[in-house]
């Protein structure tokens, strides 16, 4: 979904650039509430992971391939505000370093994949988590559906922007059918990757999954074994389990010996 230069006219490019800049500013403010000293490094890891997997394409249909957008994954792991920042940074780096998406279309790419994709994914995820039983399998299933729905939502947003300022002669209906249809298939792959990743993290560190906060003991790992029985106090002057009879028995034996020696 990386839009190249020249695909949109100047007014749409400038407007989406302003939307993207405002979204980044809001994301910076919101990220302060989502991140702490423990989870801040995770945001960098998420951005690096999304950057890497977006470079890997998988076949979707004849002559078409797709890749992970990462909005759902970022939103669920580190929060929606931080997720917008992660995707925006990834798109900026890809455009600057690899020309994957035009710089004049950076606002369009951030608007569709970050500003639309991330909130849609997080809203779907949180809604499903509230409805489904509080279990790890429910979090994994909600992750899959959130990622699945966020991709065609971003494609639909692209179609809306195309209707406002697309520079090609392709009919709007054709663009909508192609974008939403193909990206629904891409969403299935995105859902699988997101569900596997969230499931792996929540199995070992559920406290690091931002979207699962509030589920508390339902996702807590049992890291400690059963409580050990309290130790029984040792009687004074005796050994455990003898109740002190060992010394009395020894005293009686010594008394008998003394009597025999006197006799």
C-alpha atoms as a PDB file:
ATOM      1  CA  UNK A   1       0.000   0.000   0.000  1.00  0.00           C
ATOM      2  CA  UNK A   2       3.014   2.272  -0.230  1.00  0.00           C
ATOM      3  CA  UNK A   3       1.864   5.094  -2.506  1.00  0.00           C
ATOM      4  CA  UNK A   4       4.508   6.433  -4.928  1.00  0.00           C
ATOM      5  CA  UNK A   5       5.118  10.059  -5.854  1.00  0.00           C
ATOM      6  CA  UNK A   6       2.688  11.604  -8.332  1.00  0.00           C
ATOM      7  CA  UNK A   7      -0.240   9.310  -7.527  1.00  0.00           C
ATOM      8  CA  UNK A   8      -2.166  12.111  -5.778  1.00  0.00           C
ATOM      9  CA  UNK A   9      -2.471  15.781  -6.612  1.00  0.00           C
ATOM     10  CA  UNK A  10      -0.865  18.536  -4.561  1.00  0.00           C
ATOM     11  CA  UNK A  11      -3.898  19.551  -2.443  1.00  0.00           C
ATOM     12  CA  UNK A  12      -4.461  15.992  -1.174  1.00  0.00           C
ATOM     13  CA  UNK A  13      -0.749  15.473  -0.588  1.00  0.00           C
ATOM     14  CA  UNK A  14      -0.494  18.697   1.430  1.00  0.00           C
ATOM     15  CA  UNK A  15      -3.694  18.005   3.394  1.00  0.00           C
ATOM     16  CA  UNK A  16      -2.672  14.466   4.303  1.00  0.00           C
ATOM     17  CA  UNK A  17       0.773  15.757   5.227  1.00  0.00           C
ATOM     18  CA  UNK A  18      -0.872  18.107   7.713  1.00  0.00           C
ATOM     19  CA  UNK A  19      -3.026  15.272   9.063  1.00  0.00           C
ATOM     20  CA  UNK A  20       0.053  13.093   9.456  1.00  0.00           C
ATOM     21  CA  UNK A  21       1.968  15.834  11.280  1.00  0.00           C
ATOM     22  CA  UNK A  22      -0.944  16.413  13.651  1.00  0.00           C
ATOM     23  CA  UNK A  23      -1.256  12.674  14.283  1.00  0.00           C
ATOM     24  CA  UNK A  24       2.431  12.427  15.154  1.00  0.00           C
ATOM     25  CA  UNK A  25       2.113  15.356  17.559  1.00  0.00           C
ATOM     26  CA  UNK A  26      -0.894  13.772  19.260  1.00  0.00           C
ATOM     27  CA  UNK A  27       0.918  10.433  19.316  1.00  0.00           C
ATOM     28  CA  UNK A  28       3.905  11.959  21.085  1.00  0.00           C
ATOM     29  CA  UNK A  29       1.676  13.326  23.819  1.00  0.00           C
ATOM     30  CA  UNK A  30      -0.273  10.088  24.181  1.00  0.00           C
ATOM     31  CA  UNK A  31       2.830   7.916  24.215  1.00  0.00           C
ATOM     32  CA  UNK A  32       3.911   9.539  27.483  1.00  0.00           C
ATOM     33  CA  UNK A  33       0.903   7.909  29.145  1.00  0.00           C
ATOM     34  CA  UNK A  34       1.390   4.539  27.477  1.00  0.00           C
ATOM     35  CA  UNK A  35       5.107   4.001  27.991  1.00  0.00           C
ATOM     36  CA  UNK A  36       7.242   3.684  31.094  1.00  0.00           C
ATOM     37  CA  UNK A  37      10.833   2.687  31.757  1.00  0.00           C
ATOM     38  CA  UNK A  38      10.010  -0.981  31.237  1.00  0.00           C
ATOM     39  CA  UNK A  39       7.934  -0.728  28.053  1.00  0.00           C
ATOM     40  CA  UNK A  40       9.734   2.122  26.271  1.00  0.00           C
ATOM     41  CA  UNK A  41      12.389  -0.224  24.787  1.00  0.00           C
ATOM     42  CA  UNK A  42       9.568  -2.427  23.509  1.00  0.00           C
ATOM     43  CA  UNK A  43       8.367   0.422  21.269  1.00  0.00           C
ATOM     44  CA  UNK A  44      11.740   0.457  19.521  1.00  0.00           C
ATOM     45  CA  UNK A  45      11.648  -3.297  19.097  1.00  0.00           C
ATOM     46  CA  UNK A  46       8.146  -3.123  17.624  1.00  0.00           C
ATOM     47  CA  UNK A  47       9.182  -0.439  15.128  1.00  0.00           C
ATOM     48  CA  UNK A  48      12.237  -2.491  14.113  1.00  0.00           C
ATOM     49  CA  UNK A  49      10.143  -5.642  13.748  1.00  0.00           C
ATOM     50  CA  UNK A  50       7.510  -3.907  11.612  1.00  0.00           C
ATOM     51  CA  UNK A  51      10.252  -2.321   9.501  1.00  0.00           C
ATOM     52  CA  UNK A  52      11.765  -5.759   8.843  1.00  0.00           C
ATOM     53  CA  UNK A  53       8.568  -7.669   8.100  1.00  0.00           C
ATOM     54  CA  UNK A  54       7.230  -4.941   5.812  1.00  0.00           C
ATOM     55  CA  UNK A  55      10.185  -5.703   3.550  1.00  0.00           C
ATOM     56  CA  UNK A  56       9.002  -9.323   3.202  1.00  0.00           C
ATOM     57  CA  UNK A  57       6.239  -9.913   0.666  1.00  0.00           C
ATOM     58  CA  UNK A  58       4.005 -12.956   0.410  1.00  0.00           C
ATOM     59  CA  UNK A  59       1.907 -13.953  -2.649  1.00  0.00           C
ATOM     60  CA  UNK A  60      -1.759 -13.013  -2.528  1.00  0.00           C
ATOM     61  CA  UNK A  61      -3.160 -13.584  -6.012  1.00  0.00           C
ATOM     62  CA  UNK A  62      -1.879 -13.898  -9.556  1.00  0.00           C
ATOM     63  CA  UNK A  63       0.757 -11.209 -10.003  1.00  0.00           C
ATOM     64  CA  UNK A  64      -0.003  -9.639  -6.602  1.00  0.00           C
ATOM     65  CA  UNK A  65       1.878  -9.765  -3.332  1.00  0.00           C
ATOM     66  CA  UNK A  66       1.339  -8.249   0.064  1.00  0.00           C
ATOM     67  CA  UNK A  67       3.183  -7.509   3.277  1.00  0.00           C
ATOM     68  CA  UNK A  68       2.425  -6.830   6.913  1.00  0.00           C
ATOM     69  CA  UNK A  69       1.202  -3.298   7.654  1.00  0.00           C
ATOM     70  CA  UNK A  70       1.864  -3.709  11.362  1.00  0.00           C
ATOM     71  CA  UNK A  71      -0.720  -1.277  12.713  1.00  0.00           C
ATOM     72  CA  UNK A  72      -2.621  -3.872  14.715  1.00  0.00           C
ATOM     73  CA  UNK A  73       0.539  -5.449  16.073  1.00  0.00           C
ATOM     74  CA  UNK A  74       1.946  -2.106  17.217  1.00  0.00           C
ATOM     75  CA  UNK A  75      -1.318  -0.912  18.748  1.00  0.00           C
ATOM     76  CA  UNK A  76      -1.890  -4.095  20.748  1.00  0.00           C
ATOM     77  CA  UNK A  77       1.678  -4.373  22.021  1.00  0.00           C
ATOM     78  CA  UNK A  78       2.516  -0.765  22.896  1.00  0.00           C
ATOM     79  CA  UNK A  79      -0.770   1.162  22.648  1.00  0.00           C
ATOM     80  CA  UNK A  80      -2.554   3.131  19.902  1.00  0.00           C
ATOM     81  CA  UNK A  81      -0.675   6.425  20.325  1.00  0.00           C
ATOM     82  CA  UNK A  82       2.708   4.743  20.367  1.00  0.00           C
ATOM     83  CA  UNK A  83       1.547   2.504  17.524  1.00  0.00           C
ATOM     84  CA  UNK A  84       0.882   5.547  15.339  1.00  0.00           C
ATOM     85  CA  UNK A  85       4.390   6.784  16.088  1.00  0.00           C
ATOM     86  CA  UNK A  86       5.968   3.404  15.289  1.00  0.00           C
ATOM     87  CA  UNK A  87       4.243   3.071  11.915  1.00  0.00           C
ATOM     88  CA  UNK A  88       4.985   6.700  11.019  1.00  0.00           C
ATOM     89  CA  UNK A  89       8.692   6.270  11.759  1.00  0.00           C
ATOM     90  CA  UNK A  90       8.795   3.031   9.751  1.00  0.00           C
ATOM     91  CA  UNK A  91       7.157   4.677   6.728  1.00  0.00           C
ATOM     92  CA  UNK A  92       9.499   7.656   6.931  1.00  0.00           C
ATOM     93  CA  UNK A  93      12.601   5.447   7.063  1.00  0.00           C
ATOM     94  CA  UNK A  94      11.383   3.267   4.207  1.00  0.00           C
ATOM     95  CA  UNK A  95      10.701   6.283   2.031  1.00  0.00           C
ATOM     96  CA  UNK A  96      14.057   7.912   2.776  1.00  0.00           C
ATOM     97  CA  UNK A  97      16.306   4.836   2.716  1.00  0.00           C
ATOM     98  CA  UNK A  98      14.623   2.522   0.205  1.00  0.00           C
ATOM     99  CA  UNK A  99      12.289   4.774  -1.808  1.00  0.00           C
ATOM    100  CA  UNK A 100       9.463   2.460  -0.711  1.00  0.00           C
ATOM    101  CA  UNK A 101       6.683   5.030  -0.983  1.00  0.00           C
ATOM    102  CA  UNK A 102       7.171   8.544  -2.280  1.00  0.00           C
ATOM    103  CA  UNK A 103       8.185  11.397  -0.012  1.00  0.00           C
ATOM    104  CA  UNK A 104       5.470  13.642  -1.436  1.00  0.00           C
ATOM    105  CA  UNK A 105       3.004  10.821  -0.685  1.00  0.00           C
ATOM    106  CA  UNK A 106       4.308  10.275   2.857  1.00  0.00           C
ATOM    107  CA  UNK A 107       1.275  12.026   4.284  1.00  0.00           C
ATOM    108  CA  UNK A 108      -1.043   9.706   2.358  1.00  0.00           C
ATOM    109  CA  UNK A 109       0.842   6.616   3.530  1.00  0.00           C
ATOM    110  CA  UNK A 110       0.857   7.704   7.172  1.00  0.00           C
ATOM    111  CA  UNK A 111      -2.805   8.685   7.007  1.00  0.00           C
ATOM    112  CA  UNK A 112      -3.960   5.356   5.580  1.00  0.00           C
ATOM    113  CA  UNK A 113      -1.691   2.918   7.436  1.00  0.00           C
ATOM    114  CA  UNK A 114      -1.125   4.737  10.748  1.00  0.00           C
ATOM    115  CA  UNK A 115      -3.914   7.263  11.308  1.00  0.00           C
ATOM    116  CA  UNK A 116      -6.642   4.897  10.043  1.00  0.00           C
ATOM    117  CA  UNK A 117      -5.181   1.407  10.420  1.00  0.00           C
ATOM    118  CA  UNK A 118      -3.923   1.689  14.008  1.00  0.00           C
ATOM    119  CA  UNK A 119      -7.085   3.122  15.683  1.00  0.00           C
ATOM    120  CA  UNK A 120      -9.367   0.746  13.781  1.00  0.00           C
ATOM    121  CA  UNK A 121      -7.290  -2.247  14.849  1.00  0.00           C
ATOM    122  CA  UNK A 122      -7.156  -1.171  18.486  1.00  0.00           C
ATOM    123  CA  UNK A 123     -10.880  -0.371  18.654  1.00  0.00           C
ATOM    124  CA  UNK A 124     -11.781  -3.782  17.226  1.00  0.00           C
ATOM    125  CA  UNK A 125      -9.332  -5.531  19.554  1.00  0.00           C
ATOM    126  CA  UNK A 126     -10.574  -3.860  22.722  1.00  0.00           C
ATOM    127  CA  UNK A 127     -14.191  -4.388  21.758  1.00  0.00           C
ATOM    128  CA  UNK A 128     -13.646  -8.104  21.222  1.00  0.00           C
ATOM    129  CA  UNK A 129     -11.595  -8.500  24.407  1.00  0.00           C
ATOM    130  CA  UNK A 130     -14.497  -7.069  26.412  1.00  0.00           C
ATOM    131  CA  UNK A 131     -16.979  -9.451  24.784  1.00  0.00           C
ATOM    132  CA  UNK A 132     -14.942 -12.667  24.727  1.00  0.00           C
ATOM    133  CA  UNK A 133     -14.004 -14.751  27.781  1.00  0.00           C
ATOM    134  CA  UNK A 134     -10.953 -13.434  29.610  1.00  0.00           C
ATOM    135  CA  UNK A 135      -8.364 -15.916  28.418  1.00  0.00           C
ATOM    136  CA  UNK A 136      -5.194 -15.954  26.352  1.00  0.00           C
ATOM    137  CA  UNK A 137      -6.984 -17.639  23.457  1.00  0.00           C
ATOM    138  CA  UNK A 138      -9.487 -14.775  23.363  1.00  0.00           C
ATOM    139  CA  UNK A 139      -6.654 -12.229  23.151  1.00  0.00           C
ATOM    140  CA  UNK A 140      -5.095 -14.172  20.288  1.00  0.00           C
ATOM    141  CA  UNK A 141      -8.413 -14.431  18.425  1.00  0.00           C
ATOM    142  CA  UNK A 142      -9.114 -10.725  18.950  1.00  0.00           C
ATOM    143  CA  UNK A 143      -5.644  -9.923  17.593  1.00  0.00           C
ATOM    144  CA  UNK A 144      -6.355 -11.907  14.436  1.00  0.00           C
ATOM    145  CA  UNK A 145      -9.686 -10.203  13.749  1.00  0.00           C
ATOM    146  CA  UNK A 146      -8.348  -6.735  14.571  1.00  0.00           C
ATOM    147  CA  UNK A 147      -5.500  -7.136  12.094  1.00  0.00           C
ATOM    148  CA  UNK A 148      -7.795  -8.680   9.486  1.00  0.00           C
ATOM    149  CA  UNK A 149     -10.243  -5.768   9.579  1.00  0.00           C
ATOM    150  CA  UNK A 150      -7.672  -2.988   9.851  1.00  0.00           C
ATOM    151  CA  UNK A 151      -6.070  -3.741   6.475  1.00  0.00           C
ATOM    152  CA  UNK A 152      -9.184  -3.359   4.274  1.00  0.00           C
ATOM    153  CA  UNK A 153     -10.117  -0.320   6.395  1.00  0.00           C
ATOM    154  CA  UNK A 154      -6.834   1.302   5.393  1.00  0.00           C
ATOM    155  CA  UNK A 155      -7.490   0.296   1.777  1.00  0.00           C
ATOM    156  CA  UNK A 156     -10.934   1.901   1.925  1.00  0.00           C
ATOM    157  CA  UNK A 157      -9.362   5.096   3.274  1.00  0.00           C
ATOM    158  CA  UNK A 158      -6.941   5.046   0.357  1.00  0.00           C
ATOM    159  CA  UNK A 159      -9.888   4.767  -2.026  1.00  0.00           C
ATOM    160  CA  UNK A 160     -11.547   7.761  -0.382  1.00  0.00           C
ATOM    161  CA  UNK A 161      -8.408   9.841  -0.821  1.00  0.00           C
ATOM    162  CA  UNK A 162      -8.156   8.650  -4.418  1.00  0.00           C
ATOM    163  CA  UNK A 163     -11.673   9.919  -5.021  1.00  0.00           C
ATOM    164  CA  UNK A 164     -10.585  13.343  -3.758  1.00  0.00           C
ATOM    165  CA  UNK A 165      -7.304  13.715  -5.597  1.00  0.00           C
ATOM    166  CA  UNK A 166      -6.202  10.686  -7.585  1.00  0.00           C
ATOM    167  CA  UNK A 167      -4.226  11.527 -10.721  1.00  0.00           C
ATOM    168  CA  UNK A 168      -4.928   8.388 -12.773  1.00  0.00           C
ATOM    169  CA  UNK A 169      -7.882   7.651 -15.047  1.00  0.00           C
ATOM    170  CA  UNK A 170      -8.905   4.389 -13.366  1.00  0.00           C
ATOM    171  CA  UNK A 171     -12.565   4.318 -12.348  1.00  0.00           C
ATOM    172  CA  UNK A 172     -13.257   4.721  -8.630  1.00  0.00           C
ATOM    173  CA  UNK A 173     -15.289   1.506  -8.476  1.00  0.00           C
ATOM    174  CA  UNK A 174     -12.428  -0.442 -10.004  1.00  0.00           C
ATOM    175  CA  UNK A 175      -9.956   1.037  -7.531  1.00  0.00           C
ATOM    176  CA  UNK A 176     -12.218   0.239  -4.594  1.00  0.00           C
ATOM    177  CA  UNK A 177     -12.832  -3.348  -5.683  1.00  0.00           C
ATOM    178  CA  UNK A 178      -9.144  -3.980  -6.366  1.00  0.00           C
ATOM    179  CA  UNK A 179      -7.842  -2.338  -3.195  1.00  0.00           C
ATOM    180  CA  UNK A 180     -10.371  -3.700  -0.713  1.00  0.00           C
ATOM    181  CA  UNK A 181     -10.540  -7.135  -2.337  1.00  0.00           C
ATOM    182  CA  UNK A 182      -6.797  -7.704  -2.457  1.00  0.00           C
ATOM    183  CA  UNK A 183      -6.188  -6.177   0.948  1.00  0.00           C
ATOM    184  CA  UNK A 184      -8.821  -8.393   2.517  1.00  0.00           C
ATOM    185  CA  UNK A 185      -6.665 -11.332   1.453  1.00  0.00           C
ATOM    186  CA  UNK A 186      -3.590  -9.523   2.741  1.00  0.00           C
ATOM    187  CA  UNK A 187      -5.474  -8.972   5.988  1.00  0.00           C
ATOM    188  CA  UNK A 188      -5.729 -12.727   6.476  1.00  0.00           C
ATOM    189  CA  UNK A 189      -1.946 -13.030   6.335  1.00  0.00           C
ATOM    190  CA  UNK A 190      -1.599 -10.000   8.592  1.00  0.00           C
ATOM    191  CA  UNK A 191      -4.032 -11.548  11.056  1.00  0.00           C
ATOM    192  CA  UNK A 192      -2.084 -14.802  11.205  1.00  0.00           C
ATOM    193  CA  UNK A 193       1.261 -13.048  11.775  1.00  0.00           C
ATOM    194  CA  UNK A 194      -0.226 -10.706  14.374  1.00  0.00           C
ATOM    195  CA  UNK A 195      -2.016 -13.489  16.256  1.00  0.00           C
ATOM    196  CA  UNK A 196       1.097 -15.669  16.351  1.00  0.00           C
ATOM    197  CA  UNK A 197       3.237 -12.791  17.594  1.00  0.00           C
ATOM    198  CA  UNK A 198       0.783 -11.620  20.258  1.00  0.00           C
ATOM    199  CA  UNK A 199       0.173 -15.210  21.333  1.00  0.00           C
ATOM    200  CA  UNK A 200       3.896 -15.821  21.743  1.00  0.00           C
ATOM    201  CA  UNK A 201       4.414 -12.666  23.812  1.00  0.00           C
ATOM    202  CA  UNK A 202       1.363 -13.138  25.997  1.00  0.00           C
ATOM    203  CA  UNK A 203       2.358 -16.714  26.777  1.00  0.00           C
ATOM    204  CA  UNK A 204       5.585 -15.614  28.466  1.00  0.00           C
ATOM    205  CA  UNK A 205       5.141 -11.915  29.343  1.00  0.00           C
ATOM    206  CA  UNK A 206       1.454 -10.930  29.401  1.00  0.00           C
ATOM    207  CA  UNK A 207       2.377  -7.773  31.295  1.00  0.00           C
ATOM    208  CA  UNK A 208       4.096  -6.425  28.160  1.00  0.00           C
ATOM    209  CA  UNK A 209       0.928  -6.547  26.009  1.00  0.00           C
ATOM    210  CA  UNK A 210      -0.617  -3.099  26.364  1.00  0.00           C
ATOM    211  CA  UNK A 211      -3.970  -4.099  24.918  1.00  0.00           C
ATOM    212  CA  UNK A 212      -4.363  -6.903  27.465  1.00  0.00           C
ATOM    213  CA  UNK A 213      -3.853  -4.698  30.513  1.00  0.00           C
ATOM    214  CA  UNK A 214      -6.774  -4.921  32.871  1.00  0.00           C
ATOM    215  CA  UNK A 215      -7.244  -8.635  32.340  1.00  0.00           C
ATOM    216  CA  UNK A 216      -4.959  -9.133  35.344  1.00  0.00           C
ATOM    217  CA  UNK A 217      -4.978 -12.553  36.990  1.00  0.00           C
ATOM    218  CA  UNK A 218      -6.709 -14.185  34.037  1.00  0.00           C
ATOM    219  CA  UNK A 219      -3.456 -13.914  32.045  1.00  0.00           C
ATOM    220  CA  UNK A 220      -0.920 -14.050  34.881  1.00  0.00           C
ATOM    221  CA  UNK A 221       1.680 -16.750  34.682  1.00  0.00           C
ATOM    222  CA  UNK A 222       2.145 -19.183  37.545  1.00  0.00           C
ATOM    223  CA  UNK A 223       5.866 -18.773  38.088  1.00  0.00           C
ATOM    224  CA  UNK A 224       5.976 -20.056  41.676  1.00  0.00           C
ATOM    225  CA  UNK A 225       5.354 -23.633  42.756  1.00  0.00           C
ATOM    226  CA  UNK A 226       2.942 -24.724  45.517  1.00  0.00           C
ATOM    227  CA  UNK A 227       3.589 -23.221  48.913  1.00  0.00           C
ATOM    228  CA  UNK A 228       5.823 -25.343  51.075  1.00  0.00           C
ATOM    229  CA  UNK A 229       4.453 -26.633  54.391  1.00  0.00           C
ATOM    230  CA  UNK A 230       5.688 -24.604  57.370  1.00  0.00           C
ATOM    231  CA  UNK A 231       8.555 -26.217  59.256  1.00  0.00           C
ATOM    232  CA  UNK A 232       7.631 -27.796  62.584  1.00  0.00           C
ATOM    233  CA  UNK A 233       9.431 -26.229  65.551  1.00  0.00           C
ATOM    234  CA  UNK A 234      12.192 -28.342  67.048  1.00  0.00           C
ATOM    235  CA  UNK A 235      11.730 -29.153  70.715  1.00  0.00           C
ATOM    236  CA  UNK A 236      14.401 -27.777  73.022  1.00  0.00           C
ATOM    237  CA  UNK A 237      17.154 -30.285  73.684  1.00  0.00           C
ATOM    238  CA  UNK A 238      15.797 -32.878  71.248  1.00  0.00           C
ATOM    239  CA  UNK A 239      15.964 -33.884  67.616  1.00  0.00           C
ATOM    240  CA  UNK A 240      13.162 -33.529  65.047  1.00  0.00           C
ATOM    241  CA  UNK A 241      10.578 -36.269  65.311  1.00  0.00           C
ATOM    242  CA  UNK A 242      11.725 -37.615  68.764  1.00  0.00           C
ATOM    243  CA  UNK A 243       9.967 -35.074  70.949  1.00  0.00           C
ATOM    244  CA  UNK A 244      13.038 -34.842  73.209  1.00  0.00           C
ATOM    245  CA  UNK A 245      12.952 -38.531  74.289  1.00  0.00           C
ATOM    246  CA  UNK A 246      16.458 -39.125  73.021  1.00  0.00           C
ATOM    247  CA  UNK A 247      18.125 -37.252  75.884  1.00  0.00           C
ATOM    248  CA  UNK A 248      15.880 -38.756  78.563  1.00  0.00           C
ATOM    249  CA  UNK A 249      16.636 -42.235  77.273  1.00  0.00           C
ATOM    250  CA  UNK A 250      20.365 -41.484  77.407  1.00  0.00           C
ATOM    251  CA  UNK A 251      20.081 -40.156  80.983  1.00  0.00           C
ATOM    252  CA  UNK A 252      18.268 -43.315  82.141  1.00  0.00           C
ATOM    253  CA  UNK A 253      20.925 -45.511  80.589  1.00  0.00           C
ATOM    254  CA  UNK A 254      23.724 -43.606  82.313  1.00  0.00           C
ATOM    255  CA  UNK A 255      21.899 -43.874  85.700  1.00  0.00           C
ATOM    256  CA  UNK A 256      21.623 -47.662  85.306  1.00  0.00           C
ATOM    257  CA  UNK A 257      25.324 -47.961  84.537  1.00  0.00           C
ATOM    258  CA  UNK A 258      26.213 -45.953  87.662  1.00  0.00           C
ATOM    259  CA  UNK A 259      24.098 -48.228  89.862  1.00  0.00           C
ATOM    260  CA  UNK A 260      25.735 -51.349  88.428  1.00  0.00           C
ATOM    261  CA  UNK A 261      29.198 -49.888  89.015  1.00  0.00           C
ATOM    262  CA  UNK A 262      28.350 -49.075  92.675  1.00  0.00           C
ATOM    263  CA  UNK A 263      27.022 -52.582  93.268  1.00  0.00           C
END
